[in-house]
N, C-alpha and C. Protein backbone atom coordinates (compact mmCIF):
# COMPACT_ATOMS: atom_id res chain seq x y z
N UNK A 1 17.80 40.55 264.89
CA UNK A 1 17.77 41.59 266.16
C UNK A 1 17.89 42.59 265.55
N UNK A 2 18.12 42.74 264.46
CA UNK A 2 18.50 44.36 263.52
C UNK A 2 17.31 44.18 263.49
N UNK A 3 16.68 43.60 262.65
CA UNK A 3 14.62 43.46 261.87
C UNK A 3 14.18 43.95 262.67
N UNK A 4 14.55 43.94 264.24
CA UNK A 4 13.02 43.66 265.12
C UNK A 4 13.41 45.37 265.61
N UNK A 5 14.38 45.81 265.48
CA UNK A 5 14.45 47.17 266.12
C UNK A 5 14.13 47.72 265.10
N UNK A 6 14.48 47.58 263.69
CA UNK A 6 14.39 48.42 262.86
C UNK A 6 12.30 48.44 262.33
N UNK A 7 11.50 47.68 262.72
CA UNK A 7 9.87 47.30 262.61
C UNK A 7 9.31 48.52 263.31
N UNK A 8 9.44 49.29 264.49
CA UNK A 8 8.91 50.47 264.45
C UNK A 8 9.25 51.73 263.66
N UNK A 9 10.30 51.39 263.29
CA UNK A 9 10.20 52.68 262.54
C UNK A 9 9.62 52.57 261.39
N UNK A 10 9.88 51.45 260.68
CA UNK A 10 8.89 51.10 259.34
C UNK A 10 7.98 51.48 259.40
N UNK A 11 6.84 50.46 260.05
CA UNK A 11 5.64 50.97 261.01
C UNK A 11 5.11 52.64 260.51
N UNK A 12 6.36 53.64 261.12
CA UNK A 12 6.37 55.20 261.82
C UNK A 12 6.14 55.21 260.16
N UNK A 13 7.15 55.20 259.35
CA UNK A 13 7.43 55.42 257.75
C UNK A 13 5.82 55.32 257.60
N UNK A 14 5.33 54.26 257.55
CA UNK A 14 4.58 53.52 256.64
C UNK A 14 2.90 54.14 257.16
N UNK A 15 2.61 54.48 258.53
CA UNK A 15 1.47 55.56 259.21
C UNK A 15 1.88 56.75 258.63
N UNK A 16 3.25 57.26 258.56
CA UNK A 16 3.28 58.90 258.00
C UNK A 16 2.84 58.69 256.37
N UNK A 17 3.61 57.54 255.97
CA UNK A 17 3.42 58.18 253.98
C UNK A 17 1.24 57.80 253.63
N UNK A 18 1.09 57.23 254.61
CA UNK A 18 -0.48 56.81 254.72
C UNK A 18 -0.81 58.02 254.73
N UNK A 19 -0.72 58.57 255.47
CA UNK A 19 -1.48 59.90 256.65
C UNK A 19 -0.94 61.07 255.28
N UNK A 20 -0.16 61.23 254.56
CA UNK A 20 0.46 61.59 253.45
C UNK A 20 -0.85 61.29 252.11
N UNK A 21 -0.74 60.39 252.10
CA UNK A 21 -1.25 60.07 250.66
C UNK A 21 -2.88 60.18 250.67
N UNK A 22 -3.56 59.84 252.11
CA UNK A 22 -4.58 60.17 251.99
C UNK A 22 -5.16 61.59 252.27
N UNK A 23 -4.03 62.75 252.53
CA UNK A 23 -3.68 63.89 252.40
C UNK A 23 -3.85 64.84 251.12
N UNK A 24 -3.33 64.11 250.27
CA UNK A 24 -2.87 64.32 248.77
C UNK A 24 -4.05 63.91 248.25
N UNK A 25 -4.62 63.00 248.57
CA UNK A 25 -5.90 62.73 247.42
C UNK A 25 -7.01 63.53 248.48
N UNK A 26 -7.34 63.58 249.30
CA UNK A 26 -7.93 64.82 249.26
C UNK A 26 -8.03 66.62 249.00
N UNK A 27 -7.01 66.62 248.53
CA UNK A 27 -6.45 67.73 248.00
C UNK A 27 -6.37 67.79 246.50
N UNK A 28 -6.66 66.47 246.13
CA UNK A 28 -7.00 66.06 244.76
C UNK A 28 -5.45 66.25 243.92
N UNK A 29 -4.57 65.91 244.49
CA UNK A 29 -3.19 66.13 244.16
C UNK A 29 -3.28 64.59 243.52
N UNK A 30 -3.84 63.69 242.72
CA UNK A 30 -3.45 61.80 242.59
C UNK A 30 -1.85 61.55 242.63
N UNK A 31 -1.29 62.55 242.12
CA UNK A 31 0.12 62.02 241.58
C UNK A 31 0.65 61.89 242.34
N UNK A 32 0.95 62.89 243.75
CA UNK A 32 1.34 62.78 245.14
C UNK A 32 1.28 61.51 245.95
N UNK A 33 -0.54 61.38 245.72
CA UNK A 33 -0.90 60.14 246.87
C UNK A 33 -0.45 59.25 246.23
N UNK A 34 -0.09 59.17 244.53
CA UNK A 34 0.00 57.25 244.17
C UNK A 34 1.32 57.52 244.79
N UNK A 35 2.24 58.71 244.87
CA UNK A 35 3.60 58.04 244.96
C UNK A 35 4.00 57.80 246.09
N UNK A 36 2.93 58.81 247.14
CA UNK A 36 3.01 57.96 249.18
C UNK A 36 2.36 56.71 248.80
N UNK A 37 2.22 56.27 248.63
CA UNK A 37 1.39 54.74 248.50
C UNK A 37 2.03 53.45 247.78
N UNK A 38 2.77 54.28 246.47
CA UNK A 38 4.09 53.01 246.26
C UNK A 38 5.47 53.91 247.02
N UNK A 39 5.54 54.41 248.08
CA UNK A 39 6.99 53.87 248.72
C UNK A 39 6.06 53.23 250.31
N UNK A 40 4.78 53.24 250.22
CA UNK A 40 3.80 51.91 251.25
C UNK A 40 4.77 51.14 250.96
N UNK A 41 4.55 50.82 249.62
CA UNK A 41 4.06 48.89 249.30
C UNK A 41 5.51 49.08 249.31
N UNK A 42 6.58 49.43 248.56
CA UNK A 42 7.97 49.17 248.36
C UNK A 42 8.59 49.08 250.15
N UNK A 43 7.85 49.62 251.28
CA UNK A 43 8.06 49.33 252.80
C UNK A 43 7.38 47.58 253.33
N UNK A 44 6.18 47.50 252.65
CA UNK A 44 5.22 46.38 253.23
C UNK A 44 4.19 46.54 251.60
N UNK A 45 4.64 45.37 250.61
CA UNK A 45 3.98 45.14 249.43
C UNK A 45 2.42 44.94 250.01
N UNK A 46 2.08 44.04 250.94
CA UNK A 46 1.15 43.96 250.62
C UNK A 46 0.02 44.13 252.07
N UNK A 47 0.39 45.64 252.53
CA UNK A 47 -0.24 46.47 252.95
C UNK A 47 -1.74 46.96 252.20
N UNK A 48 -2.77 46.33 252.80
CA UNK A 48 -3.67 46.58 252.20
C UNK A 48 -4.19 47.77 252.82
N UNK A 49 -4.35 48.64 253.10
CA UNK A 49 -4.87 50.28 252.52
C UNK A 49 -4.00 50.10 252.12
N UNK A 50 -2.93 50.72 251.93
CA UNK A 50 -2.27 51.02 250.56
C UNK A 50 -3.24 50.23 249.30
N UNK A 51 -3.49 49.17 249.20
CA UNK A 51 -3.36 48.63 247.79
C UNK A 51 -4.86 49.10 247.83
N UNK A 52 -5.52 49.33 248.53
CA UNK A 52 -6.81 49.84 247.81
C UNK A 52 -7.15 51.36 247.80
N UNK A 53 -6.49 52.44 248.43
CA UNK A 53 -5.69 53.87 248.08
C UNK A 53 -5.48 53.47 246.73
N UNK A 54 -4.55 52.28 246.36
CA UNK A 54 -3.80 52.88 245.26
C UNK A 54 -4.64 52.52 244.28
N UNK A 55 -5.92 51.46 244.10
CA UNK A 55 -6.74 51.24 243.51
C UNK A 55 -7.66 52.32 243.53
N UNK A 56 -7.99 53.53 244.74
CA UNK A 56 -8.95 54.15 243.87
C UNK A 56 -8.37 55.13 243.17
N UNK A 57 -7.16 56.08 243.66
CA UNK A 57 -6.15 56.60 243.05
C UNK A 57 -6.28 55.78 241.75
N UNK A 58 -5.31 55.20 240.60
CA UNK A 58 -5.54 54.38 239.73
C UNK A 58 -6.87 54.40 238.89
N UNK A 59 -7.86 53.97 239.49
CA UNK A 59 -9.53 54.68 239.07
C UNK A 59 -9.79 55.82 238.96
N UNK A 60 -9.59 56.72 239.83
CA UNK A 60 -9.45 58.46 239.53
C UNK A 60 -8.94 58.75 238.15
N UNK A 61 -7.71 58.08 237.71
CA UNK A 61 -7.15 58.71 237.35
C UNK A 61 -7.40 57.44 235.94
N UNK A 62 -8.30 56.72 235.45
CA UNK A 62 -8.82 56.72 234.24
C UNK A 62 -7.62 54.89 234.38
N UNK A 63 -7.24 54.75 235.24
CA UNK A 63 -6.63 53.58 234.88
C UNK A 63 -7.15 52.20 235.53
N UNK A 64 -7.70 51.66 234.56
CA UNK A 64 -8.73 50.66 235.69
C UNK A 64 -8.48 49.12 235.54
N UNK A 65 -7.22 49.31 234.49
CA UNK A 65 -6.75 48.19 234.14
C UNK A 65 -5.98 47.59 235.76
N UNK A 66 -5.24 48.52 236.06
CA UNK A 66 -4.39 48.64 237.24
C UNK A 66 -4.85 48.41 238.38
N UNK A 67 -6.13 49.22 238.80
CA UNK A 67 -7.07 49.69 239.35
C UNK A 67 -7.49 48.18 240.02
N UNK A 68 -7.95 47.75 239.06
CA UNK A 68 -8.74 46.24 239.69
C UNK A 68 -7.62 45.14 239.97
N UNK A 69 -6.19 45.44 239.58
CA UNK A 69 -4.96 44.43 240.33
C UNK A 69 -5.46 45.13 241.40
N UNK A 70 -5.06 46.14 241.80
CA UNK A 70 -5.06 46.72 243.12
C UNK A 70 -6.05 46.29 243.54
N UNK A 71 -7.21 46.37 243.45
CA UNK A 71 -8.22 45.97 244.40
C UNK A 71 -8.11 44.05 244.87
N UNK A 72 -7.75 43.39 243.78
CA UNK A 72 -7.60 42.37 243.98
C UNK A 72 -6.69 41.45 244.64
N UNK A 73 -5.69 42.47 245.15
CA UNK A 73 -4.70 42.45 245.56
C UNK A 73 -4.77 43.04 247.09
N UNK A 74 -5.09 44.10 247.25
CA UNK A 74 -5.90 44.16 248.90
C UNK A 74 -7.05 42.81 248.89
N UNK A 75 -7.90 42.20 248.51
CA UNK A 75 -8.75 41.61 249.16
C UNK A 75 -7.66 40.20 248.96
N UNK A 76 -7.00 39.46 248.53
CA UNK A 76 -6.27 38.65 248.50
C UNK A 76 -5.26 38.57 249.72
N UNK A 77 -5.03 40.20 250.26
CA UNK A 77 -4.22 39.99 251.76
C UNK A 77 -5.15 40.47 252.61
N UNK A 78 -6.19 40.17 252.45
CA UNK A 78 -7.18 40.95 253.84
C UNK A 78 -7.78 39.26 254.26
N UNK A 79 -8.36 39.65 255.34
CA UNK A 79 -8.60 38.67 256.35
C UNK A 79 -10.73 38.14 255.51
N UNK A 80 -11.00 37.45 255.12
CA UNK A 80 -12.40 37.15 254.59
C UNK A 80 -13.15 37.46 255.75
N UNK A 81 -14.43 38.17 255.63
CA UNK A 81 -14.77 38.46 256.51
C UNK A 81 -15.00 39.77 257.06
N UNK A 82 -13.69 39.97 256.97
CA UNK A 82 -13.51 41.94 257.15
C UNK A 82 -14.42 42.95 256.64
N UNK A 83 -14.53 44.62 257.24
CA UNK A 83 -14.60 45.46 256.37
C UNK A 83 -13.87 45.57 255.50
N UNK A 84 -12.53 45.09 255.33
CA UNK A 84 -11.12 45.48 254.60
C UNK A 84 -11.19 44.72 253.53
N UNK A 85 -11.97 43.55 253.41
CA UNK A 85 -11.61 42.83 252.72
C UNK A 85 -13.22 42.97 251.75
N UNK A 86 -13.88 42.87 252.27
CA UNK A 86 -15.67 43.39 251.92
C UNK A 86 -15.17 44.76 250.86
N UNK A 87 -14.69 45.14 251.45
CA UNK A 87 -14.63 46.91 250.46
C UNK A 87 -13.79 46.69 249.55
N UNK A 88 -12.38 45.86 249.65
CA UNK A 88 -12.04 45.69 248.55
C UNK A 88 -12.21 44.72 247.36
N UNK A 89 -13.18 43.66 247.58
CA UNK A 89 -13.63 42.81 246.97
C UNK A 89 -15.32 42.99 246.50
N UNK A 90 -16.24 44.29 246.77
CA UNK A 90 -16.82 44.87 246.30
C UNK A 90 -16.74 45.92 244.88
N UNK A 91 -15.34 47.08 245.35
CA UNK A 91 -14.70 47.60 244.22
C UNK A 91 -14.40 46.97 242.91
N UNK A 92 -13.26 46.01 243.26
CA UNK A 92 -12.64 44.95 242.56
C UNK A 92 -13.87 44.05 241.95
N UNK A 93 -14.75 43.88 242.45
CA UNK A 93 -16.24 42.87 241.64
C UNK A 93 -16.89 44.14 241.09
N UNK A 94 -17.39 45.17 241.03
CA UNK A 94 -17.54 46.41 240.57
C UNK A 94 -16.87 46.75 238.96
N UNK A 95 -15.61 47.26 239.48
CA UNK A 95 -14.71 47.34 238.28
C UNK A 95 -14.88 45.98 236.92
N UNK A 96 -14.84 45.37 237.64
CA UNK A 96 -15.15 43.87 236.52
C UNK A 96 -16.00 43.74 235.77
N UNK A 97 -17.39 44.03 236.54
CA UNK A 97 -18.26 43.78 236.11
C UNK A 97 -18.29 44.86 234.92
N UNK A 98 -18.20 46.37 234.95
CA UNK A 98 -18.18 47.42 234.66
C UNK A 98 -17.08 47.36 232.92
N UNK A 99 -16.13 46.48 233.14
CA UNK A 99 -15.04 46.47 231.84
C UNK A 99 -15.50 45.31 231.15
N UNK A 100 -16.65 43.96 231.62
CA UNK A 100 -17.32 43.25 230.77
C UNK A 100 -19.04 44.09 230.35
N UNK A 101 -19.07 45.49 230.95
CA UNK A 101 -20.37 45.74 229.70
C UNK A 101 -19.90 45.90 228.13
N UNK A 102 -21.23 45.91 227.46
CA UNK A 102 -20.50 46.40 226.08
C UNK A 102 -20.56 48.35 226.02
N UNK A 103 -19.93 48.04 224.64
CA UNK A 103 -19.69 49.47 224.21
C UNK A 103 -21.02 50.81 224.61
N UNK A 104 -21.68 51.31 225.65
CA UNK A 104 -22.78 51.59 225.06
C UNK A 104 -22.56 53.44 224.55
N UNK A 105 -21.14 54.11 223.80
CA UNK A 105 -21.44 55.20 223.18
C UNK A 105 -21.88 54.94 221.93
N UNK A 106 -22.60 55.92 221.17
CA UNK A 106 -22.36 55.77 219.92
C UNK A 106 -21.17 55.51 218.91
N UNK A 107 -21.69 54.48 217.95
CA UNK A 107 -20.37 54.04 217.25
C UNK A 107 -20.11 55.79 216.23
N UNK A 108 -19.01 55.40 216.00
CA UNK A 108 -18.58 56.83 214.60
C UNK A 108 -19.42 56.26 213.49
N UNK A 109 -19.63 57.44 212.66
CA UNK A 109 -20.80 57.78 212.13
C UNK A 109 -19.17 57.51 211.00
N UNK A 110 -19.40 57.22 209.23
CA UNK A 110 -18.78 56.74 208.52
C UNK A 110 -19.35 57.74 207.18
N UNK A 111 -18.50 58.63 206.47
CA UNK A 111 -19.32 58.97 205.51
C UNK A 111 -17.74 59.02 204.16
N UNK A 112 -18.08 59.33 203.04
CA UNK A 112 -17.57 59.19 202.41
C UNK A 112 -16.56 60.75 202.07
N UNK A 113 -15.13 60.77 201.74
CA UNK A 113 -14.56 61.61 202.06
C UNK A 113 -15.09 63.19 200.65
N UNK A 114 -15.82 62.23 199.95
CA UNK A 114 -15.87 62.79 198.57
C UNK A 114 -17.22 63.46 198.30
N UNK A 115 -18.11 62.71 199.64
CA UNK A 115 -18.95 63.31 200.19
C UNK A 115 -19.12 64.52 200.70
N UNK A 116 -18.58 64.07 201.81
CA UNK A 116 -17.73 65.25 202.86
C UNK A 116 -17.86 66.39 202.23
N UNK A 117 -16.91 66.10 201.76
CA UNK A 117 -16.76 67.57 200.64
C UNK A 117 -17.37 68.19 200.18
N UNK A 118 -18.39 67.29 199.34
CA UNK A 118 -19.00 67.99 198.39
C UNK A 118 -20.19 68.73 199.47
N UNK A 119 -21.00 68.31 200.59
CA UNK A 119 -21.58 68.91 201.16
C UNK A 119 -20.74 70.18 201.90
N UNK A 120 -19.61 69.89 202.63
CA UNK A 120 -19.48 71.05 203.09
C UNK A 120 -19.42 72.11 201.74
N UNK A 121 -19.14 71.90 200.59
CA UNK A 121 -18.41 73.01 199.82
C UNK A 121 -20.46 73.81 199.81
N UNK A 122 -21.20 72.98 200.02
CA UNK A 122 -23.05 73.38 199.97
C UNK A 122 -23.44 74.11 200.68
N UNK A 123 -23.14 73.78 201.66
CA UNK A 123 -23.51 73.72 203.14
C UNK A 123 -22.28 74.13 204.05
N UNK A 124 -21.25 74.80 204.14
CA UNK A 124 -20.51 74.43 205.16
C UNK A 124 -21.38 73.97 206.90
N UNK A 125 -20.45 72.96 207.18
CA UNK A 125 -20.55 72.33 208.76
C UNK A 125 -21.40 70.91 208.80
N UNK A 126 -22.11 70.85 207.89
CA UNK A 126 -23.25 69.94 207.44
C UNK A 126 -22.68 68.65 207.80
N UNK A 127 -21.82 68.38 206.58
CA UNK A 127 -20.74 67.00 207.10
C UNK A 127 -20.40 67.06 208.46
N UNK A 128 -19.74 68.11 209.17
CA UNK A 128 -19.21 68.07 210.11
C UNK A 128 -20.44 67.88 211.76
N UNK A 129 -21.52 67.93 211.26
CA UNK A 129 -22.50 67.92 211.78
C UNK A 129 -22.34 66.34 212.10
N UNK A 130 -23.06 65.55 210.55
CA UNK A 130 -22.92 64.28 210.31
C UNK A 130 -21.81 63.24 210.99
N UNK A 131 -20.71 64.03 211.12
CA UNK A 131 -19.83 63.01 211.73
C UNK A 131 -19.63 63.07 212.88
N UNK A 132 -20.72 64.14 213.46
CA UNK A 132 -20.23 63.73 215.03
C UNK A 132 -18.99 65.34 215.30
N UNK A 133 -19.34 66.40 214.83
CA UNK A 133 -18.29 67.38 214.86
C UNK A 133 -18.88 68.03 215.52
N UNK A 134 -19.30 68.49 216.45
CA UNK A 134 -20.27 69.16 216.88
C UNK A 134 -19.76 71.04 216.87
N UNK A 135 -18.74 70.94 217.78
CA UNK A 135 -18.23 72.38 218.10
C UNK A 135 -17.67 72.80 216.39
N UNK A 136 -17.11 72.41 215.80
CA UNK A 136 -17.09 72.80 214.47
C UNK A 136 -17.60 72.81 213.79
N UNK A 137 -19.12 72.29 213.51
CA UNK A 137 -20.03 72.00 212.89
C UNK A 137 -20.62 73.44 212.95
N UNK A 138 -21.46 73.65 214.64
CA UNK A 138 -21.22 75.33 214.81
C UNK A 138 -20.51 75.99 214.77
N UNK A 139 -19.42 76.28 214.70
CA UNK A 139 -18.79 77.30 214.09
C UNK A 139 -19.31 77.93 212.43
N UNK A 140 -19.14 76.59 212.12
CA UNK A 140 -18.88 76.73 210.76
C UNK A 140 -19.98 77.30 209.77
N UNK A 141 -21.36 76.37 210.57
CA UNK A 141 -22.96 76.43 210.60
C UNK A 141 -23.12 78.22 210.79
N UNK A 142 -22.70 78.59 212.05
CA UNK A 142 -22.99 80.21 212.07
C UNK A 142 -22.15 81.25 211.72
N UNK A 143 -21.13 80.73 210.77
CA UNK A 143 -19.94 82.13 210.37
C UNK A 143 -20.72 81.75 208.96
N UNK A 144 -21.23 80.82 208.36
CA UNK A 144 -22.10 80.63 206.89
C UNK A 144 -23.44 81.54 206.77
N UNK A 145 -24.02 81.59 207.81
CA UNK A 145 -25.12 82.00 207.88
C UNK A 145 -25.44 83.45 207.93
N UNK A 146 -23.73 83.94 209.06
CA UNK A 146 -23.84 85.40 209.31
C UNK A 146 -23.48 85.71 207.73
N UNK A 147 -22.70 85.36 207.31
CA UNK A 147 -21.50 85.91 206.18
C UNK A 147 -23.03 85.97 204.97
N UNK A 148 -23.83 85.11 204.98
CA UNK A 148 -24.97 84.87 203.86
C UNK A 148 -26.19 85.85 203.94
N UNK A 149 -26.24 85.84 205.39
CA UNK A 149 -26.63 87.22 205.59
C UNK A 149 -26.85 88.66 205.38
N UNK A 150 -25.33 88.98 205.29
CA UNK A 150 -25.08 90.05 205.29
C UNK A 150 -24.47 90.44 204.00
N UNK A 151 -24.19 89.07 203.38
CA UNK A 151 -24.29 89.34 201.75
C UNK A 151 -25.34 89.98 201.02
N UNK A 152 -26.58 88.98 201.40
CA UNK A 152 -27.65 89.63 200.75
C UNK A 152 -28.16 90.47 200.95
N UNK A 153 -28.81 90.53 202.63
CA UNK A 153 -29.31 91.44 202.83
C UNK A 153 -28.80 93.28 203.84
N UNK A 154 -27.70 92.99 203.90
CA UNK A 154 -26.75 93.98 204.58
C UNK A 154 -26.89 95.35 203.27
N UNK A 155 -26.20 96.48 203.96
CA UNK A 155 -25.86 97.47 202.75
C UNK A 155 -24.77 97.16 201.91
N UNK A 156 -24.09 96.78 202.64
CA UNK A 156 -22.35 96.17 202.38
C UNK A 156 -22.66 95.04 201.50
N UNK A 157 -23.51 94.52 201.36
CA UNK A 157 -24.08 93.31 200.19
C UNK A 157 -24.19 93.20 198.89
N UNK A 158 -25.47 92.93 198.36
CA UNK A 158 -25.41 93.33 196.96
C UNK A 158 -26.23 94.28 197.20
N UNK A 159 -27.48 94.25 198.09
CA UNK A 159 -28.00 95.95 197.99
C UNK A 159 -27.19 96.48 197.59
N UNK A 160 -26.10 97.17 198.32
CA UNK A 160 -24.90 98.36 197.72
C UNK A 160 -24.58 98.11 196.22
N UNK A 161 -24.71 97.01 195.43
CA UNK A 161 -23.76 96.79 194.21
C UNK A 161 -25.33 97.31 192.57
N UNK A 162 -26.78 96.86 193.42
CA UNK A 162 -27.63 97.43 193.01
C UNK A 162 -28.31 98.73 193.23
N UNK A 163 -27.22 99.26 194.57
CA UNK A 163 -27.48 100.42 194.58
C UNK A 163 -26.26 101.50 193.81
N UNK A 164 -25.12 100.77 193.64
CA UNK A 164 -24.22 102.08 193.23
C UNK A 164 -24.05 101.94 191.49
N UNK A 165 -24.91 100.27 191.08
CA UNK A 165 -24.48 99.71 190.01
C UNK A 165 -23.37 99.42 189.58
N UNK A 166 -22.55 98.91 190.51
CA UNK A 166 -21.24 98.45 189.63
C UNK A 166 -20.86 97.72 191.21
N UNK A 167 -19.87 96.77 190.53
CA UNK A 167 -19.36 96.09 191.71
C UNK A 167 -18.28 96.55 192.56
N UNK A 168 -18.35 96.74 194.17
CA UNK A 168 -18.04 97.04 194.52
C UNK A 168 -17.11 96.04 196.36
N UNK A 169 -16.42 96.77 196.86
CA UNK A 169 -15.69 96.27 197.55
C UNK A 169 -16.24 94.77 198.73
N UNK A 170 -17.89 96.25 199.38
CA UNK A 170 -18.46 94.57 200.41
C UNK A 170 -18.59 93.26 199.95
N UNK A 171 -19.28 93.78 198.75
CA UNK A 171 -19.93 91.60 198.03
C UNK A 171 -18.92 91.35 198.10
N UNK A 172 -18.09 91.79 197.31
CA UNK A 172 -16.63 91.15 196.79
C UNK A 172 -16.11 90.03 198.23
N UNK A 173 -15.64 91.01 199.23
CA UNK A 173 -14.77 90.78 200.38
C UNK A 173 -16.09 89.78 200.88
N UNK A 174 -17.53 90.14 201.18
CA UNK A 174 -18.21 89.08 202.06
C UNK A 174 -18.39 87.76 200.59
N UNK A 175 -18.31 87.67 199.93
CA UNK A 175 -18.07 86.32 198.62
C UNK A 175 -16.63 85.41 199.49
N UNK A 176 -15.63 86.30 199.64
CA UNK A 176 -14.39 85.57 199.50
C UNK A 176 -14.41 85.33 200.40
N UNK A 177 -15.05 85.62 202.06
CA UNK A 177 -14.81 85.20 203.35
C UNK A 177 -15.82 83.88 203.17
N UNK A 178 -16.96 83.85 202.55
CA UNK A 178 -18.02 83.01 202.85
C UNK A 178 -16.89 81.67 201.81
N UNK A 179 -16.81 81.79 200.58
CA UNK A 179 -15.76 80.71 200.23
C UNK A 179 -14.71 80.12 200.99
N UNK A 180 -14.12 80.70 201.74
CA UNK A 180 -12.27 80.95 202.21
C UNK A 180 -13.91 79.51 203.49
N UNK A 181 -14.74 79.87 204.35
CA UNK A 181 -15.24 79.04 205.00
C UNK A 181 -15.68 77.53 204.19
N UNK A 182 -16.13 77.92 203.33
CA UNK A 182 -16.58 76.67 202.71
C UNK A 182 -15.44 75.81 202.85
N UNK A 183 -14.48 76.44 201.83
CA UNK A 183 -13.06 75.74 201.42
C UNK A 183 -12.60 75.18 203.03
N UNK A 184 -12.32 75.42 203.78
CA UNK A 184 -11.83 75.58 204.96
C UNK A 184 -12.52 74.14 205.57
N UNK A 185 -14.00 74.40 205.40
CA UNK A 185 -14.47 73.53 205.82
C UNK A 185 -14.86 71.94 205.01
N UNK A 186 -14.37 72.22 204.08
CA UNK A 186 -14.48 71.70 203.06
C UNK A 186 -13.77 70.47 203.13
N UNK A 187 -12.26 70.94 203.36
CA UNK A 187 -11.00 70.16 203.42
C UNK A 187 -10.73 69.47 204.85
N UNK A 188 -10.92 69.72 205.55
CA UNK A 188 -11.42 69.81 206.97
C UNK A 188 -12.30 67.88 207.41
N UNK A 189 -13.23 68.55 206.19
CA UNK A 189 -14.35 67.13 206.45
C UNK A 189 -13.60 66.15 205.91
N UNK A 190 -13.24 66.46 204.59
CA UNK A 190 -12.20 65.39 204.06
C UNK A 190 -11.37 64.67 204.64
N UNK A 191 -10.85 65.48 205.27
CA UNK A 191 -9.47 65.02 206.20
C UNK A 191 -9.69 63.92 207.02
N UNK A 192 -11.11 64.06 208.20
CA UNK A 192 -12.05 63.87 209.17
C UNK A 192 -12.44 62.74 208.76
N UNK A 193 -12.98 62.79 207.67
CA UNK A 193 -13.61 61.40 206.71
C UNK A 193 -12.63 60.34 206.30
N UNK A 194 -12.04 61.14 206.19
CA UNK A 194 -10.83 59.64 204.95
C UNK A 194 -9.77 59.74 206.25
N UNK A 195 -10.11 59.64 207.62
CA UNK A 195 -8.91 59.14 208.39
C UNK A 195 -7.45 60.15 208.42
N UNK A 196 -7.32 61.60 207.69
CA UNK A 196 -5.82 61.56 207.72
C UNK A 196 -5.86 62.76 209.56
N UNK A 197 -6.64 63.47 209.82
CA UNK A 197 -6.87 63.68 211.13
C UNK A 197 -6.27 62.63 212.16
N UNK A 198 -4.92 62.74 213.36
CA UNK A 198 -4.88 62.18 214.14
C UNK A 198 -5.96 62.13 215.19
N UNK A 199 -6.11 61.41 215.98
CA UNK A 199 -6.94 61.26 217.17
C UNK A 199 -6.01 61.71 218.12
N UNK A 200 -6.85 61.84 219.12
CA UNK A 200 -6.07 62.36 220.58
C UNK A 200 -5.40 61.22 221.24
N UNK A 201 -4.23 61.20 221.62
CA UNK A 201 -3.43 60.70 222.32
C UNK A 201 -4.28 60.39 223.89
N UNK A 202 -4.05 58.61 224.37
CA UNK A 202 -4.72 59.00 226.15
C UNK A 202 -3.47 58.94 226.66
N UNK A 203 -4.30 59.79 227.74
CA UNK A 203 -3.77 60.30 229.26
C UNK A 203 -2.16 58.83 229.59
N UNK A 204 -1.18 59.07 229.68
CA UNK A 204 -0.46 58.73 230.52
C UNK A 204 -0.36 58.42 232.27
N UNK A 205 -0.81 57.07 232.27
CA UNK A 205 -0.78 57.10 233.46
C UNK A 205 0.51 56.58 234.54
N UNK A 206 1.19 56.65 235.36
CA UNK A 206 1.95 56.15 236.42
C UNK A 206 2.06 54.33 236.00
N UNK A 207 2.81 54.05 235.79
CA UNK A 207 2.50 52.45 236.05
C UNK A 207 2.77 51.79 237.92
N UNK A 208 1.80 50.81 237.67
CA UNK A 208 1.48 50.29 239.01
C UNK A 208 3.28 49.63 239.55
N UNK A 209 3.21 49.92 241.00
CA UNK A 209 4.87 49.84 241.27
C UNK A 209 4.46 48.39 241.44
N UNK A 210 6.19 47.63 240.89
CA UNK A 210 6.50 46.44 240.47
C UNK A 210 6.15 45.41 241.80
N UNK A 211 5.89 45.88 243.28
CA UNK A 211 5.65 45.26 244.19
C UNK A 211 4.50 44.50 243.67
N UNK A 212 3.25 45.71 243.37
CA UNK A 212 2.15 44.88 242.65
C UNK A 212 2.28 44.72 241.42
N UNK A 213 2.56 44.85 240.03
CA UNK A 213 2.48 44.85 239.35
C UNK A 213 2.87 43.02 238.76
N UNK A 214 4.14 43.14 239.19
CA UNK A 214 4.99 41.74 239.00
C UNK A 214 4.69 40.91 239.88
N UNK A 215 3.61 40.76 241.04
CA UNK A 215 3.31 39.56 241.78
C UNK A 215 2.72 38.05 240.91
N UNK A 216 3.04 37.45 240.80
CA UNK A 216 2.44 36.34 240.22
C UNK A 216 0.95 36.22 240.35
N UNK A 217 0.52 36.20 241.12
CA UNK A 217 -0.45 36.18 241.47
C UNK A 217 -1.88 37.43 241.34
N UNK A 218 -0.75 38.85 240.41
CA UNK A 218 -1.82 39.91 240.51
C UNK A 218 -2.26 40.01 239.02
N UNK A 219 -3.68 39.10 239.04
CA UNK A 219 -4.60 39.24 237.68
C UNK A 219 -5.50 39.53 238.03
N UNK A 220 -6.44 40.19 236.99
CA UNK A 220 -7.54 40.59 237.26
C UNK A 220 -8.39 39.99 237.63
């Protein structure tokens, strides 16, 4: 008798949380939207709309493995032939297909650390360009070209030395800066080529709620 009395209250909470999840998704707050879905699934673990929405949110955050599980659960808890079943099945099948595709991104270009060191000393930025470190390559090549141009053709470079017939501050300073760029590029290129630079950590995503993750049928 108590369960039947509380049933309308539970349904109202579910509807409220579902509206909240959709609203937060529209606002771009995926974390809060996911929290609302977790609350729905705590009250009703087989809620189809919440499961599919959870899959959408996980997919948007890059957690495709758990998104596939959520879509699978939404599909399995829907009546076959209904729009809800078709929508969940389409998303589930699409993610499975994308997961099975071969990696299309260019593979990492390998270079000997010693070669990277020597190339960077001779031409700062060239080794970074080879290793697809395009931002660093652009900065170092740009700095090298500017300093070389100032050293060779500006009034503060070699021309000043020829005019004054003595070693002056300008050429020494420009040469020092050019050598600094070369040494910085060489050290950085050597570390990257040798694998000493740590890779960026993957973003951490909230775990799928236990009602879905621990389900015996929760398989991709």
